[in-house]
Amino acid sequence: MVFGGFSAESLKNRIQDCGSELVITADGGFRGAKLIPLKATTDAAVAECPTVKQVIVLKRTGRDVPFVEGRDRWWHDVMRGQPLECEPEKMDAEDPLFILYTSGSTGKPKGVLHTTAGYLSTPRSATRRSSTSAKRTPTGAPPTSAGSPATATSSTGRWRTARPA
């Protein structure tokens, strides 16, 4: 996952770092009133990334963009005929979810690997219903004995409430 305003060189470095086979982009984007040519930037970056086999392009601006035969596909064509719902795949807590890259302002950009449980346990625990749901704080965490929210939850959704000393 990268910032849409990166240069082709910056995007290329991140694609090469993680060995991406697929890039999802848009035909363009807007920053205020200025059009950002995301597909053109992606094309320039991918030209030096032999691992990339496919580029999926979301039609955002509706402007004409060049396509590379056999590599580029429109998002709406890929999604056509797909069911509206998708049964979730069972994952281990430490399975990779995505890599988020730093800006690279201090040298080579660093990718931070985020795992499934770190992102998915919080929404699960925030929406979990139990006998304490009426006593939950606005953050979704049950109150501690002092009335402050719990500090952490486990990946199993069981509460580990921090009790005051």
N, C-alpha and C. Protein backbone atom coordinates (compact mmCIF):
# COMPACT_ATOMS: atom_id res chain seq x y z
N MET A 1 0.85 -1.14 0.00
CA MET A 1 0.00 0.00 0.00
C MET A 1 0.91 1.22 0.00
N VAL A 2 0.72 2.07 -1.00
CA VAL A 2 1.59 3.24 -1.12
C VAL A 2 0.76 4.50 -1.37
N PHE A 3 1.34 5.62 -1.05
CA PHE A 3 0.75 6.93 -1.26
C PHE A 3 0.62 7.20 -2.76
N GLY A 4 -0.54 7.66 -3.21
CA GLY A 4 -0.80 7.88 -4.63
C GLY A 4 0.02 9.00 -5.24
N GLY A 5 0.66 9.84 -4.45
CA GLY A 5 1.44 10.94 -4.99
C GLY A 5 2.90 10.62 -5.22
N PHE A 6 3.30 9.36 -5.04
CA PHE A 6 4.70 8.99 -5.24
C PHE A 6 5.09 9.13 -6.71
N SER A 7 6.36 9.39 -6.93
CA SER A 7 6.91 9.40 -8.28
C SER A 7 7.01 7.97 -8.79
N ALA A 8 7.22 7.84 -10.10
CA ALA A 8 7.39 6.51 -10.69
C ALA A 8 8.59 5.80 -10.06
N GLU A 9 9.65 6.52 -9.79
CA GLU A 9 10.85 5.94 -9.17
C GLU A 9 10.54 5.40 -7.77
N SER A 10 9.82 6.19 -6.97
CA SER A 10 9.46 5.77 -5.62
C SER A 10 8.54 4.56 -5.64
N LEU A 11 7.58 4.56 -6.55
CA LEU A 11 6.67 3.43 -6.68
C LEU A 11 7.43 2.19 -7.13
N LYS A 12 8.32 2.35 -8.09
CA LYS A 12 9.15 1.24 -8.57
C LYS A 12 9.95 0.61 -7.43
N ASN A 13 10.57 1.43 -6.60
CA ASN A 13 11.37 0.93 -5.48
C ASN A 13 10.53 0.10 -4.52
N ARG A 14 9.31 0.51 -4.26
CA ARG A 14 8.44 -0.21 -3.34
C ARG A 14 7.93 -1.52 -3.95
N ILE A 15 7.61 -1.48 -5.24
CA ILE A 15 7.18 -2.70 -5.94
C ILE A 15 8.31 -3.72 -5.94
N GLN A 16 9.52 -3.28 -6.24
CA GLN A 16 10.67 -4.18 -6.26
C GLN A 16 10.99 -4.72 -4.88
N ASP A 17 10.85 -3.88 -3.86
CA ASP A 17 11.17 -4.30 -2.50
C ASP A 17 10.31 -5.47 -2.04
N CYS A 18 9.02 -5.44 -2.39
CA CYS A 18 8.13 -6.50 -1.90
C CYS A 18 7.85 -7.56 -2.97
N GLY A 19 8.37 -7.39 -4.18
CA GLY A 19 8.20 -8.39 -5.22
C GLY A 19 6.77 -8.52 -5.72
N SER A 20 6.05 -7.42 -5.81
CA SER A 20 4.65 -7.45 -6.22
C SER A 20 4.47 -8.07 -7.60
N GLU A 21 3.41 -8.88 -7.71
CA GLU A 21 3.01 -9.45 -8.99
C GLU A 21 1.79 -8.73 -9.54
N LEU A 22 1.09 -8.01 -8.68
CA LEU A 22 -0.14 -7.31 -9.04
C LEU A 22 -0.08 -5.89 -8.49
N VAL A 23 -0.51 -4.93 -9.32
CA VAL A 23 -0.62 -3.54 -8.88
C VAL A 23 -2.05 -3.10 -9.19
N ILE A 24 -2.70 -2.51 -8.20
CA ILE A 24 -4.02 -1.93 -8.40
C ILE A 24 -3.87 -0.42 -8.33
N THR A 25 -4.36 0.26 -9.34
CA THR A 25 -4.24 1.71 -9.43
C THR A 25 -5.53 2.28 -9.99
N ALA A 26 -5.53 3.53 -10.36
CA ALA A 26 -6.68 4.18 -11.00
C ALA A 26 -6.17 4.88 -12.25
N ASP A 27 -7.12 5.24 -13.14
CA ASP A 27 -6.72 5.96 -14.34
C ASP A 27 -6.14 7.32 -13.97
N GLY A 28 -6.56 7.86 -12.86
CA GLY A 28 -6.05 9.13 -12.37
C GLY A 28 -6.70 9.43 -11.04
N GLY A 29 -6.27 10.50 -10.43
CA GLY A 29 -6.84 10.95 -9.17
C GLY A 29 -6.79 12.46 -9.13
N PHE A 30 -7.32 13.03 -8.10
CA PHE A 30 -7.34 14.48 -7.97
C PHE A 30 -6.71 14.89 -6.66
N ARG A 31 -5.94 15.95 -6.72
CA ARG A 31 -5.42 16.61 -5.53
C ARG A 31 -5.88 18.05 -5.65
N GLY A 32 -6.98 18.34 -4.96
CA GLY A 32 -7.66 19.61 -5.20
C GLY A 32 -8.25 19.55 -6.60
N ALA A 33 -7.95 20.53 -7.42
CA ALA A 33 -8.44 20.54 -8.81
C ALA A 33 -7.42 19.92 -9.78
N LYS A 34 -6.23 19.58 -9.28
CA LYS A 34 -5.17 19.07 -10.14
C LYS A 34 -5.35 17.56 -10.39
N LEU A 35 -5.27 17.16 -11.65
CA LEU A 35 -5.35 15.75 -12.02
C LEU A 35 -3.99 15.09 -11.80
N ILE A 36 -3.98 13.97 -11.11
CA ILE A 36 -2.76 13.20 -10.88
C ILE A 36 -2.82 11.97 -11.79
N PRO A 37 -1.88 11.80 -12.71
CA PRO A 37 -1.93 10.70 -13.69
C PRO A 37 -1.42 9.38 -13.09
N LEU A 38 -2.22 8.75 -12.25
CA LEU A 38 -1.78 7.55 -11.54
C LEU A 38 -1.41 6.40 -12.47
N LYS A 39 -2.17 6.19 -13.53
CA LYS A 39 -1.88 5.08 -14.46
C LYS A 39 -0.56 5.33 -15.18
N ALA A 40 -0.29 6.54 -15.60
CA ALA A 40 0.97 6.86 -16.28
C ALA A 40 2.16 6.65 -15.34
N THR A 41 2.00 7.04 -14.08
CA THR A 41 3.05 6.83 -13.09
C THR A 41 3.27 5.34 -12.87
N THR A 42 2.19 4.59 -12.78
CA THR A 42 2.28 3.14 -12.59
C THR A 42 2.97 2.49 -13.79
N ASP A 43 2.61 2.88 -14.99
CA ASP A 43 3.23 2.32 -16.20
C ASP A 43 4.75 2.55 -16.20
N ALA A 44 5.16 3.76 -15.84
CA ALA A 44 6.60 4.07 -15.80
C ALA A 44 7.31 3.23 -14.74
N ALA A 45 6.68 3.04 -13.60
CA ALA A 45 7.28 2.25 -12.52
C ALA A 45 7.36 0.78 -12.90
N VAL A 46 6.27 0.24 -13.41
CA VAL A 46 6.17 -1.19 -13.72
C VAL A 46 7.09 -1.59 -14.88
N ALA A 47 7.47 -0.64 -15.71
CA ALA A 47 8.37 -0.92 -16.83
C ALA A 47 9.68 -1.53 -16.34
N GLU A 48 10.05 -1.24 -15.09
CA GLU A 48 11.29 -1.77 -14.53
C GLU A 48 11.03 -2.78 -13.40
N CYS A 49 9.85 -3.40 -13.43
CA CYS A 49 9.47 -4.37 -12.40
C CYS A 49 9.02 -5.67 -13.06
N PRO A 50 9.94 -6.55 -13.36
CA PRO A 50 9.57 -7.77 -14.08
C PRO A 50 8.67 -8.72 -13.29
N THR A 51 8.55 -8.54 -11.99
CA THR A 51 7.68 -9.42 -11.21
C THR A 51 6.20 -9.12 -11.44
N VAL A 52 5.87 -7.90 -11.88
CA VAL A 52 4.47 -7.51 -12.05
C VAL A 52 3.89 -8.17 -13.29
N LYS A 53 2.85 -8.98 -13.05
CA LYS A 53 2.19 -9.70 -14.14
C LYS A 53 0.88 -9.05 -14.55
N GLN A 54 0.27 -8.29 -13.62
CA GLN A 54 -1.04 -7.72 -13.90
C GLN A 54 -1.20 -6.36 -13.23
N VAL A 55 -1.86 -5.43 -13.94
CA VAL A 55 -2.22 -4.12 -13.40
C VAL A 55 -3.73 -3.98 -13.56
N ILE A 56 -4.41 -3.77 -12.44
CA ILE A 56 -5.86 -3.57 -12.46
C ILE A 56 -6.11 -2.08 -12.25
N VAL A 57 -6.96 -1.50 -13.12
CA VAL A 57 -7.15 -0.06 -13.15
C VAL A 57 -8.60 0.29 -12.84
N LEU A 58 -8.81 1.09 -11.81
CA LEU A 58 -10.13 1.61 -11.47
C LEU A 58 -10.40 2.85 -12.31
N LYS A 59 -11.57 2.91 -12.92
CA LYS A 59 -11.93 4.08 -13.72
C LYS A 59 -12.44 5.16 -12.77
N ARG A 60 -11.60 6.14 -12.49
CA ARG A 60 -11.92 7.21 -11.54
C ARG A 60 -12.21 8.51 -12.26
N THR A 61 -11.38 8.86 -13.23
CA THR A 61 -11.54 10.14 -13.93
C THR A 61 -12.28 9.99 -15.25
N GLY A 62 -12.25 8.79 -15.82
CA GLY A 62 -12.88 8.56 -17.12
C GLY A 62 -12.01 8.98 -18.29
N ARG A 63 -10.81 9.40 -18.04
CA ARG A 63 -9.90 9.81 -19.13
C ARG A 63 -9.31 8.58 -19.79
N ASP A 64 -8.98 8.72 -21.05
CA ASP A 64 -8.34 7.63 -21.78
C ASP A 64 -6.93 7.41 -21.25
N VAL A 65 -6.60 6.15 -21.02
CA VAL A 65 -5.24 5.79 -20.59
C VAL A 65 -4.79 4.61 -21.44
N PRO A 66 -3.50 4.56 -21.75
CA PRO A 66 -3.00 3.42 -22.54
C PRO A 66 -3.02 2.14 -21.71
N PHE A 67 -3.30 1.02 -22.38
CA PHE A 67 -3.30 -0.28 -21.73
C PHE A 67 -2.24 -1.15 -22.38
N VAL A 68 -1.57 -1.96 -21.57
CA VAL A 68 -0.61 -2.94 -22.07
C VAL A 68 -1.38 -4.26 -22.25
N GLU A 69 -1.44 -4.73 -23.49
CA GLU A 69 -2.16 -5.97 -23.82
C GLU A 69 -1.65 -7.13 -22.97
N GLY A 70 -2.59 -7.86 -22.36
CA GLY A 70 -2.26 -9.03 -21.56
C GLY A 70 -1.86 -8.73 -20.13
N ARG A 71 -1.63 -7.47 -19.80
CA ARG A 71 -1.24 -7.10 -18.43
C ARG A 71 -2.31 -6.27 -17.74
N ASP A 72 -2.87 -5.30 -18.42
CA ASP A 72 -3.79 -4.34 -17.80
C ASP A 72 -5.24 -4.77 -17.97
N ARG A 73 -6.00 -4.58 -16.89
CA ARG A 73 -7.44 -4.89 -16.92
C ARG A 73 -8.19 -3.82 -16.13
N TRP A 74 -9.40 -3.51 -16.57
CA TRP A 74 -10.25 -2.59 -15.84
C TRP A 74 -10.83 -3.28 -14.61
N TRP A 75 -10.90 -2.56 -13.51
CA TRP A 75 -11.48 -3.07 -12.27
C TRP A 75 -12.91 -3.56 -12.50
N HIS A 76 -13.71 -2.76 -13.22
CA HIS A 76 -15.12 -3.13 -13.41
C HIS A 76 -15.25 -4.41 -14.24
N ASP A 77 -14.30 -4.68 -15.13
CA ASP A 77 -14.34 -5.95 -15.88
C ASP A 77 -13.97 -7.13 -14.98
N VAL A 78 -13.01 -6.92 -14.10
CA VAL A 78 -12.60 -7.97 -13.18
C VAL A 78 -13.74 -8.29 -12.21
N MET A 79 -14.46 -7.28 -11.77
CA MET A 79 -15.51 -7.45 -10.77
C MET A 79 -16.85 -7.90 -11.37
N ARG A 80 -17.05 -7.71 -12.67
CA ARG A 80 -18.31 -8.09 -13.31
C ARG A 80 -18.61 -9.57 -13.07
N GLY A 81 -19.80 -9.85 -12.60
CA GLY A 81 -20.22 -11.22 -12.38
C GLY A 81 -19.77 -11.82 -11.05
N GLN A 82 -19.00 -11.06 -10.28
CA GLN A 82 -18.58 -11.55 -8.97
C GLN A 82 -19.73 -11.40 -7.98
N PRO A 83 -19.87 -12.33 -7.03
CA PRO A 83 -20.94 -12.19 -6.03
C PRO A 83 -20.73 -10.96 -5.17
N LEU A 84 -21.84 -10.41 -4.65
CA LEU A 84 -21.76 -9.24 -3.78
C LEU A 84 -21.17 -9.57 -2.42
N GLU A 85 -21.29 -10.82 -2.01
CA GLU A 85 -20.72 -11.25 -0.74
C GLU A 85 -19.64 -12.29 -0.99
N CYS A 86 -18.68 -12.30 -0.10
CA CYS A 86 -17.56 -13.23 -0.22
C CYS A 86 -17.32 -13.86 1.14
N GLU A 87 -17.35 -15.18 1.18
CA GLU A 87 -17.09 -15.89 2.43
C GLU A 87 -15.64 -15.61 2.85
N PRO A 88 -15.42 -15.18 4.08
CA PRO A 88 -14.04 -14.88 4.50
C PRO A 88 -13.17 -16.13 4.55
N GLU A 89 -11.94 -15.97 4.22
CA GLU A 89 -10.95 -17.04 4.29
C GLU A 89 -10.43 -17.10 5.72
N LYS A 90 -10.33 -18.30 6.27
CA LYS A 90 -9.77 -18.45 7.61
C LYS A 90 -8.27 -18.18 7.53
N MET A 91 -7.79 -17.36 8.44
CA MET A 91 -6.39 -16.95 8.45
C MET A 91 -5.80 -17.16 9.84
N ASP A 92 -4.50 -17.38 9.88
CA ASP A 92 -3.80 -17.39 11.16
C ASP A 92 -3.57 -15.95 11.58
N ALA A 93 -3.44 -15.73 12.86
CA ALA A 93 -3.28 -14.37 13.39
C ALA A 93 -2.08 -13.65 12.80
N GLU A 94 -1.02 -14.36 12.49
CA GLU A 94 0.20 -13.72 12.00
C GLU A 94 0.35 -13.77 10.49
N ASP A 95 -0.69 -14.17 9.75
CA ASP A 95 -0.62 -14.14 8.29
C ASP A 95 -0.51 -12.69 7.83
N PRO A 96 0.31 -12.41 6.82
CA PRO A 96 0.45 -11.04 6.33
C PRO A 96 -0.87 -10.50 5.77
N LEU A 97 -1.14 -9.23 6.04
CA LEU A 97 -2.32 -8.56 5.51
C LEU A 97 -1.90 -7.55 4.45
N PHE A 98 -0.98 -6.65 4.79
CA PHE A 98 -0.45 -5.69 3.82
C PHE A 98 0.86 -5.12 4.33
N ILE A 99 1.60 -4.50 3.42
CA ILE A 99 2.83 -3.80 3.76
C ILE A 99 2.57 -2.32 3.55
N LEU A 100 2.82 -1.53 4.56
CA LEU A 100 2.66 -0.08 4.47
C LEU A 100 4.06 0.53 4.46
N TYR A 101 4.35 1.31 3.44
CA TYR A 101 5.69 1.87 3.28
C TYR A 101 5.82 3.27 3.85
N THR A 102 6.99 3.53 4.41
CA THR A 102 7.33 4.88 4.89
C THR A 102 7.56 5.77 3.69
N SER A 103 7.69 7.04 3.94
CA SER A 103 7.91 8.00 2.86
C SER A 103 9.29 7.84 2.23
N GLY A 104 10.22 7.28 2.94
CA GLY A 104 11.56 7.11 2.40
C GLY A 104 12.40 8.37 2.47
N SER A 105 11.96 9.34 3.27
CA SER A 105 12.67 10.62 3.34
C SER A 105 14.05 10.51 3.99
N THR A 106 14.31 9.41 4.68
CA THR A 106 15.61 9.24 5.35
C THR A 106 16.48 8.21 4.63
N GLY A 107 16.20 7.94 3.39
CA GLY A 107 16.96 6.94 2.64
C GLY A 107 16.03 5.94 2.01
N LYS A 108 16.44 4.67 2.01
CA LYS A 108 15.62 3.61 1.42
C LYS A 108 14.30 3.48 2.19
N PRO A 109 13.16 3.44 1.48
CA PRO A 109 11.89 3.29 2.18
C PRO A 109 11.80 1.95 2.90
N LYS A 110 11.11 1.98 4.02
CA LYS A 110 10.97 0.77 4.82
C LYS A 110 9.51 0.32 4.79
N GLY A 111 9.30 -0.96 4.51
CA GLY A 111 7.96 -1.51 4.52
C GLY A 111 7.66 -2.13 5.87
N VAL A 112 6.53 -1.75 6.45
CA VAL A 112 6.10 -2.31 7.72
C VAL A 112 5.01 -3.33 7.41
N LEU A 113 5.27 -4.60 7.73
CA LEU A 113 4.33 -5.67 7.47
C LEU A 113 3.28 -5.70 8.57
N HIS A 114 2.03 -5.54 8.18
CA HIS A 114 0.92 -5.62 9.13
C HIS A 114 0.27 -6.99 8.98
N THR A 115 -0.04 -7.60 10.12
CA THR A 115 -0.62 -8.94 10.10
C THR A 115 -2.13 -8.88 10.31
N THR A 116 -2.76 -9.97 10.03
CA THR A 116 -4.21 -10.06 10.06
C THR A 116 -4.79 -9.73 11.43
N ALA A 117 -4.30 -10.34 12.48
CA ALA A 117 -4.91 -10.17 13.80
C ALA A 117 -4.79 -8.75 14.32
N GLY A 118 -3.70 -8.10 14.03
CA GLY A 118 -3.52 -6.75 14.54
C GLY A 118 -4.60 -5.79 14.06
N TYR A 119 -5.10 -6.00 12.85
CA TYR A 119 -6.13 -5.12 12.32
C TYR A 119 -7.53 -5.68 12.52
N LEU A 120 -7.69 -6.97 12.50
CA LEU A 120 -9.03 -7.54 12.54
C LEU A 120 -9.54 -7.85 13.94
N SER A 121 -8.67 -7.95 14.93
CA SER A 121 -9.17 -8.23 16.28
C SER A 121 -9.82 -7.00 16.90
N THR A 122 -9.37 -5.82 16.57
CA THR A 122 -9.96 -4.61 17.15
C THR A 122 -11.40 -4.41 16.70
N PRO A 123 -11.73 -4.46 15.38
CA PRO A 123 -13.14 -4.32 15.01
C PRO A 123 -14.01 -5.43 15.60
N ARG A 124 -13.46 -6.64 15.67
CA ARG A 124 -14.22 -7.75 16.23
C ARG A 124 -14.55 -7.48 17.69
N SER A 125 -13.56 -7.07 18.44
CA SER A 125 -13.79 -6.86 19.86
C SER A 125 -14.68 -5.64 20.11
N ALA A 126 -14.60 -4.65 19.23
CA ALA A 126 -15.41 -3.45 19.40
C ALA A 126 -16.89 -3.73 19.15
N THR A 127 -17.18 -4.74 18.34
CA THR A 127 -18.57 -5.05 18.03
C THR A 127 -19.08 -6.27 18.77
N ARG A 128 -18.24 -6.88 19.58
CA ARG A 128 -18.60 -8.09 20.31
C ARG A 128 -19.70 -7.81 21.33
N ARG A 129 -20.70 -8.66 21.36
CA ARG A 129 -21.80 -8.50 22.31
C ARG A 129 -21.60 -9.48 23.46
N SER A 130 -21.82 -9.00 24.66
CA SER A 130 -21.75 -9.86 25.84
C SER A 130 -22.60 -9.25 26.94
N SER A 131 -22.58 -9.86 28.08
CA SER A 131 -23.39 -9.36 29.19
C SER A 131 -22.90 -8.00 29.68
N THR A 132 -21.68 -7.61 29.30
CA THR A 132 -21.16 -6.31 29.74
C THR A 132 -21.40 -5.22 28.72
N SER A 133 -22.11 -5.53 27.62
CA SER A 133 -22.25 -4.56 26.54
C SER A 133 -22.93 -3.27 27.00
N ALA A 134 -23.82 -3.34 27.94
CA ALA A 134 -24.49 -2.12 28.41
C ALA A 134 -23.52 -1.22 29.16
N LYS A 135 -22.43 -1.78 29.67
CA LYS A 135 -21.46 -1.01 30.45
C LYS A 135 -20.27 -0.58 29.62
N ARG A 136 -20.28 -0.83 28.31
CA ARG A 136 -19.13 -0.52 27.47
C ARG A 136 -18.93 0.99 27.34
N THR A 137 -17.70 1.36 27.14
CA THR A 137 -17.34 2.76 26.92
C THR A 137 -17.57 3.07 25.45
N PRO A 138 -17.49 4.34 25.04
CA PRO A 138 -17.67 4.69 23.63
C PRO A 138 -16.66 3.99 22.70
N THR A 139 -15.53 3.56 23.21
CA THR A 139 -14.54 2.87 22.36
C THR A 139 -14.90 1.41 22.17
N GLY A 140 -15.91 0.92 22.87
CA GLY A 140 -16.31 -0.46 22.75
C GLY A 140 -15.67 -1.36 23.78
N ALA A 141 -14.78 -0.83 24.59
CA ALA A 141 -14.10 -1.64 25.60
C ALA A 141 -14.88 -1.61 26.90
N PRO A 142 -14.90 -2.73 27.64
CA PRO A 142 -15.60 -2.72 28.92
C PRO A 142 -14.83 -1.87 29.93
N PRO A 143 -15.51 -1.27 30.87
CA PRO A 143 -14.80 -0.45 31.86
C PRO A 143 -14.00 -1.32 32.82
N THR A 144 -12.91 -0.77 33.31
CA THR A 144 -12.16 -1.44 34.37
C THR A 144 -12.85 -1.12 35.68
N SER A 145 -12.31 -1.63 36.78
CA SER A 145 -12.94 -1.37 38.07
C SER A 145 -12.93 0.11 38.40
N ALA A 146 -12.02 0.87 37.80
CA ALA A 146 -11.97 2.30 38.06
C ALA A 146 -12.82 3.08 37.06
N GLY A 147 -13.44 2.37 36.10
CA GLY A 147 -14.31 3.03 35.14
C GLY A 147 -13.60 3.47 33.87
N SER A 148 -12.30 3.24 33.74
CA SER A 148 -11.60 3.61 32.52
C SER A 148 -11.62 2.43 31.56
N PRO A 149 -11.46 2.68 30.25
CA PRO A 149 -11.54 1.58 29.31
C PRO A 149 -10.38 0.60 29.45
N ALA A 150 -10.63 -0.63 29.02
CA ALA A 150 -9.57 -1.64 29.01
C ALA A 150 -8.47 -1.20 28.07
N THR A 151 -7.26 -1.63 28.35
CA THR A 151 -6.14 -1.17 27.53
C THR A 151 -5.84 -2.09 26.37
N ALA A 152 -6.29 -3.33 26.40
CA ALA A 152 -5.95 -4.25 25.31
C ALA A 152 -6.94 -5.38 25.25
N THR A 153 -7.02 -5.99 24.06
CA THR A 153 -7.79 -7.21 23.89
C THR A 153 -6.88 -8.23 23.25
N SER A 154 -7.22 -9.48 23.44
CA SER A 154 -6.43 -10.54 22.81
C SER A 154 -7.00 -10.83 21.44
N SER A 155 -6.26 -11.57 20.64
CA SER A 155 -6.74 -11.92 19.30
C SER A 155 -7.92 -12.87 19.36
N THR A 156 -8.19 -13.46 20.50
CA THR A 156 -9.34 -14.35 20.64
C THR A 156 -10.59 -13.57 21.00
N GLY A 157 -10.46 -12.30 21.27
CA GLY A 157 -11.60 -11.49 21.63
C GLY A 157 -11.92 -11.49 23.11
N ARG A 158 -11.17 -12.22 23.91
CA ARG A 158 -11.38 -12.21 25.36
C ARG A 158 -10.73 -10.95 25.92
N TRP A 159 -11.37 -10.34 26.87
CA TRP A 159 -10.86 -9.09 27.41
C TRP A 159 -9.72 -9.32 28.38
N ARG A 160 -8.70 -8.53 28.22
CA ARG A 160 -7.63 -8.45 29.22
C ARG A 160 -7.74 -7.05 29.79
N THR A 161 -8.47 -6.91 30.82
CA THR A 161 -8.72 -5.60 31.37
C THR A 161 -7.60 -5.19 32.31
N ALA A 162 -7.08 -4.00 32.11
CA ALA A 162 -6.02 -3.49 32.97
C ALA A 162 -6.66 -2.94 34.23
N ARG A 163 -6.36 -3.53 35.32
CA ARG A 163 -6.91 -3.10 36.61
C ARG A 163 -5.94 -2.14 37.29
N PRO A 164 -6.45 -1.10 37.90
CA PRO A 164 -5.56 -0.19 38.61
C PRO A 164 -4.87 -0.91 39.77
N ALA A 165 -3.66 -0.52 40.08
CA ALA A 165 -2.91 -1.16 41.17
C ALA A 165 -3.44 -0.74 42.52
